[in-house]
N, C-alpha and C. Protein backbone atom coordinates (compact mmCIF):
# COMPACT_ATOMS: atom_id res chain seq x y z
N UNK A 1 108.40 126.14 103.20
CA UNK A 1 109.63 125.54 103.65
C UNK A 1 110.74 126.56 103.43
N UNK A 2 111.57 126.72 104.48
CA UNK A 2 112.60 127.74 104.53
C UNK A 2 113.64 127.29 103.60
N UNK A 3 114.58 128.16 103.29
CA UNK A 3 115.67 127.89 102.30
C UNK A 3 116.54 126.75 103.14
N UNK A 4 116.77 127.02 104.39
CA UNK A 4 117.62 126.05 105.18
C UNK A 4 117.00 124.78 105.19
N UNK A 5 115.62 124.60 105.52
CA UNK A 5 115.07 123.34 105.63
C UNK A 5 114.97 122.66 104.25
N UNK A 6 114.76 123.46 103.16
CA UNK A 6 114.87 122.85 101.91
C UNK A 6 116.20 122.24 101.53
N UNK A 7 117.23 123.00 101.85
CA UNK A 7 118.56 122.50 101.56
C UNK A 7 118.88 121.23 102.38
N UNK A 8 118.31 121.25 103.59
CA UNK A 8 118.60 120.02 104.55
C UNK A 8 117.83 118.85 103.97
N UNK A 9 116.58 119.14 103.49
CA UNK A 9 115.89 118.03 102.81
C UNK A 9 116.50 117.50 101.61
N UNK A 10 117.02 118.37 100.76
CA UNK A 10 117.76 117.96 99.57
C UNK A 10 118.95 117.23 99.90
N UNK A 11 119.61 117.52 100.80
CA UNK A 11 120.94 116.90 101.28
C UNK A 11 120.52 115.36 101.75
N UNK A 12 119.50 115.30 102.56
CA UNK A 12 119.01 114.07 103.09
C UNK A 12 118.55 113.19 101.83
N UNK A 13 117.76 113.63 101.01
CA UNK A 13 117.36 112.93 99.87
C UNK A 13 118.52 112.43 98.99
N UNK A 14 119.53 113.22 98.71
CA UNK A 14 120.60 112.77 98.05
C UNK A 14 121.35 111.80 98.87
N UNK A 15 121.56 111.94 100.17
CA UNK A 15 122.27 111.01 100.99
C UNK A 15 121.63 109.56 100.89
N UNK A 16 120.35 109.63 100.96
CA UNK A 16 119.75 108.28 100.99
C UNK A 16 119.60 107.67 99.59
N UNK A 17 120.05 108.44 98.60
CA UNK A 17 120.02 107.91 97.16
C UNK A 17 118.60 108.00 96.66
N UNK A 18 117.78 108.96 97.07
CA UNK A 18 116.36 109.04 96.54
C UNK A 18 116.16 110.13 95.51
N UNK A 19 117.20 110.64 95.15
CA UNK A 19 117.13 111.93 94.03
C UNK A 19 116.28 111.69 92.86
N UNK A 20 116.17 110.38 92.37
CA UNK A 20 115.49 110.14 91.23
C UNK A 20 114.00 109.73 91.53
N UNK A 21 113.63 109.52 92.85
CA UNK A 21 112.28 109.11 93.19
C UNK A 21 111.56 110.25 94.05
N UNK A 22 112.31 111.16 94.55
CA UNK A 22 111.67 112.19 95.51
C UNK A 22 111.65 113.43 94.81
N UNK A 23 110.49 114.22 94.81
CA UNK A 23 110.29 115.45 94.18
C UNK A 23 109.79 116.47 95.24
N UNK A 24 110.65 117.60 95.40
CA UNK A 24 110.20 118.58 96.26
C UNK A 24 109.74 119.69 95.33
N UNK A 25 108.44 119.91 95.48
CA UNK A 25 107.89 120.91 94.45
C UNK A 25 107.82 122.43 94.82
N UNK A 26 107.59 122.60 96.11
CA UNK A 26 107.24 124.00 96.47
C UNK A 26 105.88 124.39 96.12
N UNK A 27 105.61 125.58 95.95
CA UNK A 27 104.18 125.98 95.53
C UNK A 27 103.97 125.59 93.91
N UNK A 28 102.80 125.21 93.66
CA UNK A 28 102.29 124.95 92.35
C UNK A 28 101.00 125.74 91.92
N UNK A 29 101.15 126.08 90.63
CA UNK A 29 99.89 126.61 90.13
C UNK A 29 98.85 125.48 89.97
N UNK A 30 97.54 125.86 89.76
CA UNK A 30 96.47 124.78 89.65
C UNK A 30 96.92 123.75 88.54
N UNK A 31 97.39 124.13 87.39
CA UNK A 31 97.77 123.36 86.30
C UNK A 31 98.82 122.56 86.57
N UNK A 32 99.89 123.03 87.23
CA UNK A 32 101.03 122.23 87.68
C UNK A 32 100.65 121.16 88.63
N UNK A 33 99.77 121.57 89.67
CA UNK A 33 99.14 120.53 90.64
C UNK A 33 98.55 119.39 89.97
N UNK A 34 97.68 119.59 89.05
CA UNK A 34 97.16 118.62 88.38
C UNK A 34 98.05 117.55 87.72
N UNK A 35 99.00 118.19 86.99
CA UNK A 35 99.96 117.59 86.15
C UNK A 35 100.96 116.65 87.30
N UNK A 36 101.21 117.31 88.42
CA UNK A 36 101.94 116.56 89.52
C UNK A 36 101.11 115.34 90.13
N UNK A 37 99.85 115.58 90.26
CA UNK A 37 98.92 114.48 90.67
C UNK A 37 98.78 113.25 89.78
N UNK A 38 99.01 113.69 88.57
CA UNK A 38 99.04 112.55 87.44
C UNK A 38 100.18 111.91 87.39
N UNK A 39 101.41 112.42 87.70
CA UNK A 39 102.78 111.77 87.44
C UNK A 39 103.21 111.09 88.66
N UNK A 40 102.72 111.40 89.79
CA UNK A 40 103.39 110.83 91.12
C UNK A 40 102.31 109.74 91.62
N UNK A 41 102.95 108.95 92.49
CA UNK A 41 102.38 107.87 93.16
C UNK A 41 101.93 108.03 94.82
N UNK A 42 102.61 108.89 95.44
CA UNK A 42 102.44 109.02 96.88
C UNK A 42 102.68 110.44 97.34
N UNK A 43 101.85 110.93 98.14
CA UNK A 43 102.17 112.32 98.77
C UNK A 43 102.63 112.09 100.24
N UNK A 44 103.58 112.91 100.61
CA UNK A 44 104.12 112.86 102.05
C UNK A 44 104.34 114.41 102.38
N UNK A 45 103.53 114.90 103.29
CA UNK A 45 103.66 116.36 103.68
C UNK A 45 103.95 116.49 105.13
N UNK A 46 105.07 117.16 105.50
CA UNK A 46 105.14 117.25 106.87
C UNK A 46 104.15 118.06 107.59
N UNK A 47 103.61 117.71 108.81
CA UNK A 47 102.43 118.33 109.43
C UNK A 47 102.49 119.97 109.57
N UNK A 48 103.91 120.42 109.71
CA UNK A 48 104.12 121.89 109.90
C UNK A 48 103.75 122.61 108.62
N UNK A 49 103.55 122.03 107.55
CA UNK A 49 103.23 122.71 106.29
C UNK A 49 101.91 122.64 105.92
N UNK A 50 101.02 121.72 106.37
CA UNK A 50 99.71 121.58 106.07
C UNK A 50 98.77 121.29 107.30
N UNK A 51 98.22 122.27 107.76
CA UNK A 51 97.38 122.21 108.98
C UNK A 51 95.94 121.87 108.90
N UNK A 52 95.43 122.13 107.56
CA UNK A 52 94.04 121.97 107.30
C UNK A 52 93.67 120.66 106.60
N UNK A 53 94.62 120.09 105.96
CA UNK A 53 94.28 118.76 105.32
C UNK A 53 93.86 118.86 103.87
N UNK A 54 93.86 120.06 103.44
CA UNK A 54 93.32 120.34 101.97
C UNK A 54 94.24 119.62 100.88
N UNK A 55 95.53 119.62 101.08
CA UNK A 55 96.44 118.93 100.23
C UNK A 55 96.04 117.41 100.13
N UNK A 56 95.66 116.86 101.37
CA UNK A 56 95.59 115.39 101.38
C UNK A 56 93.98 115.11 100.63
N UNK A 57 93.06 115.95 100.91
CA UNK A 57 91.85 115.81 100.14
C UNK A 57 91.97 115.94 98.62
N UNK A 58 92.74 116.85 98.14
CA UNK A 58 93.00 117.06 96.68
C UNK A 58 93.74 115.71 96.14
N UNK A 59 94.66 115.28 96.91
CA UNK A 59 95.43 114.20 96.43
C UNK A 59 94.52 112.90 96.36
N UNK A 60 93.75 112.61 97.47
CA UNK A 60 92.90 111.52 97.47
C UNK A 60 91.79 111.68 96.54
N UNK A 61 91.34 112.84 96.14
CA UNK A 61 90.42 112.93 95.02
C UNK A 61 90.77 112.41 93.87
N UNK A 62 92.16 112.40 93.65
CA UNK A 62 92.70 111.57 92.39
C UNK A 62 92.82 110.13 92.57
N UNK A 63 92.42 109.61 93.80
CA UNK A 63 92.40 108.17 94.14
C UNK A 63 93.90 107.78 94.44
N UNK A 64 94.65 108.65 94.82
CA UNK A 64 96.13 108.31 95.27
C UNK A 64 96.23 108.38 96.69
N UNK A 65 97.15 107.50 97.26
CA UNK A 65 97.49 107.38 98.62
C UNK A 65 98.11 108.66 99.21
N UNK A 66 97.84 109.03 100.36
CA UNK A 66 98.60 110.18 100.97
C UNK A 66 99.11 109.70 102.34
N UNK A 67 100.42 109.99 102.65
CA UNK A 67 101.10 109.68 103.87
C UNK A 67 100.93 110.87 104.82
N UNK A 68 100.38 110.66 105.98
CA UNK A 68 100.21 111.80 107.02
C UNK A 68 100.84 111.38 108.21
N UNK A 69 101.38 112.34 109.04
CA UNK A 69 101.95 111.96 110.33
C UNK A 69 101.62 113.10 111.32
N UNK A 70 101.67 112.95 112.50
CA UNK A 70 101.56 114.07 113.45
C UNK A 70 102.78 114.52 114.20
N UNK A 71 103.96 113.78 113.59
CA UNK A 71 105.24 114.15 114.23
C UNK A 71 106.27 114.15 113.10
N UNK A 72 107.33 114.92 113.29
CA UNK A 72 108.43 114.99 112.25
C UNK A 72 109.46 113.95 112.50
């Protein structure tokens, strides 16, 4: 995620009043990823950032739903 798109996403999240329910993580270490998977309830990743689907497989491996789309 570029700095500009990150800032745009943050502004959109704030504008929609989702600041307490949406987390933008950026890159995570393995330990941080496991902690994140335990604390959150849904994964949504724009298709431009995850082309192989590995993130979705990791998430579903924890038995959690993942939201995927082919368009932004």
